[in-house]
Amino acid sequence: MSYQKILDAIPKAEILKYLKKNTSLNTGGREVGASTASRKAMIRKMHEIPVKNSKNEKSI
């Protein structure tokens, strides 16, 4: 059986429902779980961008 026949057999609504539940548009299709803040923190660590803190300005 070809993949196309299998894909055609699955209702599009079901696929969309699954995708909406398991991924988020603003995460670029990543699995939902890691918060935006933790992702931004990881990116900052990679690039060593100074972060403005409420008390003081420090470089991570």
Protein backbone atom coordinates (compact mmCIF):
# COMPACT_ATOMS: atom_id res chain seq x y z
CA MET A 1 0.00 0.00 0.00
CA SER A 2 1.37 3.40 -0.91
CA TYR A 3 1.88 6.13 1.65
CA GLN A 4 -0.51 8.40 -0.25
CA LYS A 5 -3.39 5.94 0.19
CA ILE A 6 -2.68 5.78 3.93
CA LEU A 7 -2.53 9.59 4.18
CA ASP A 8 -5.75 9.97 2.21
CA ALA A 9 -7.48 7.54 4.55
CA ILE A 10 -6.73 9.74 7.58
CA PRO A 11 -9.14 12.66 7.89
CA LYS A 12 -7.38 16.02 7.63
CA ALA A 13 -9.24 17.29 10.71
CA GLU A 14 -7.72 14.51 12.83
CA ILE A 15 -4.21 15.38 11.67
CA LEU A 16 -4.75 19.08 12.39
CA LYS A 17 -6.22 18.33 15.81
CA TYR A 18 -3.18 16.21 16.69
CA LEU A 19 -0.74 18.84 15.43
CA LYS A 20 -2.48 21.64 17.34
CA LYS A 21 -2.43 19.61 20.53
CA ASN A 22 1.22 18.61 20.34
CA THR A 23 2.93 21.62 18.80
CA SER A 24 2.58 25.34 19.10
CA LEU A 25 2.88 27.79 16.23
CA ASN A 26 5.02 30.27 18.13
CA THR A 27 7.58 27.59 19.01
CA GLY A 28 8.24 27.00 15.33
CA GLY A 29 6.66 23.54 15.51
CA ARG A 30 8.70 22.40 18.51
CA GLU A 31 7.10 20.08 21.02
CA VAL A 32 5.38 22.05 23.75
CA GLY A 33 7.16 21.74 27.08
CA ALA A 34 10.24 23.91 27.34
CA SER A 35 9.09 27.41 28.17
CA THR A 36 9.99 30.37 26.02
CA ALA A 37 12.00 31.83 28.89
CA SER A 38 14.23 28.77 29.22
CA ARG A 39 14.75 28.67 25.45
CA LYS A 40 15.72 32.35 25.43
CA ALA A 41 18.09 31.71 28.33
CA MET A 42 19.77 28.90 26.38
CA ILE A 43 20.17 31.16 23.34
CA ARG A 44 21.62 33.92 25.54
CA LYS A 45 24.13 31.51 27.05
CA MET A 46 25.19 30.44 23.57
CA HIS A 47 25.71 34.03 22.41
CA GLU A 48 26.67 35.58 25.77
CA ILE A 49 24.39 38.58 25.44
CA PRO A 50 24.25 40.76 28.57
CA VAL A 51 20.90 40.46 30.33
CA LYS A 52 19.21 43.31 32.14
CA ASN A 53 18.18 42.14 35.56
CA SER A 54 15.71 43.99 37.77
CA LYS A 55 18.48 44.62 40.36
CA ASN A 56 21.66 44.81 38.32
CA GLU A 57 22.96 44.28 34.83
CA LYS A 58 25.05 41.15 34.50
CA SER A 59 26.39 39.00 31.72
CA ILE A 60 25.39 35.36 31.69
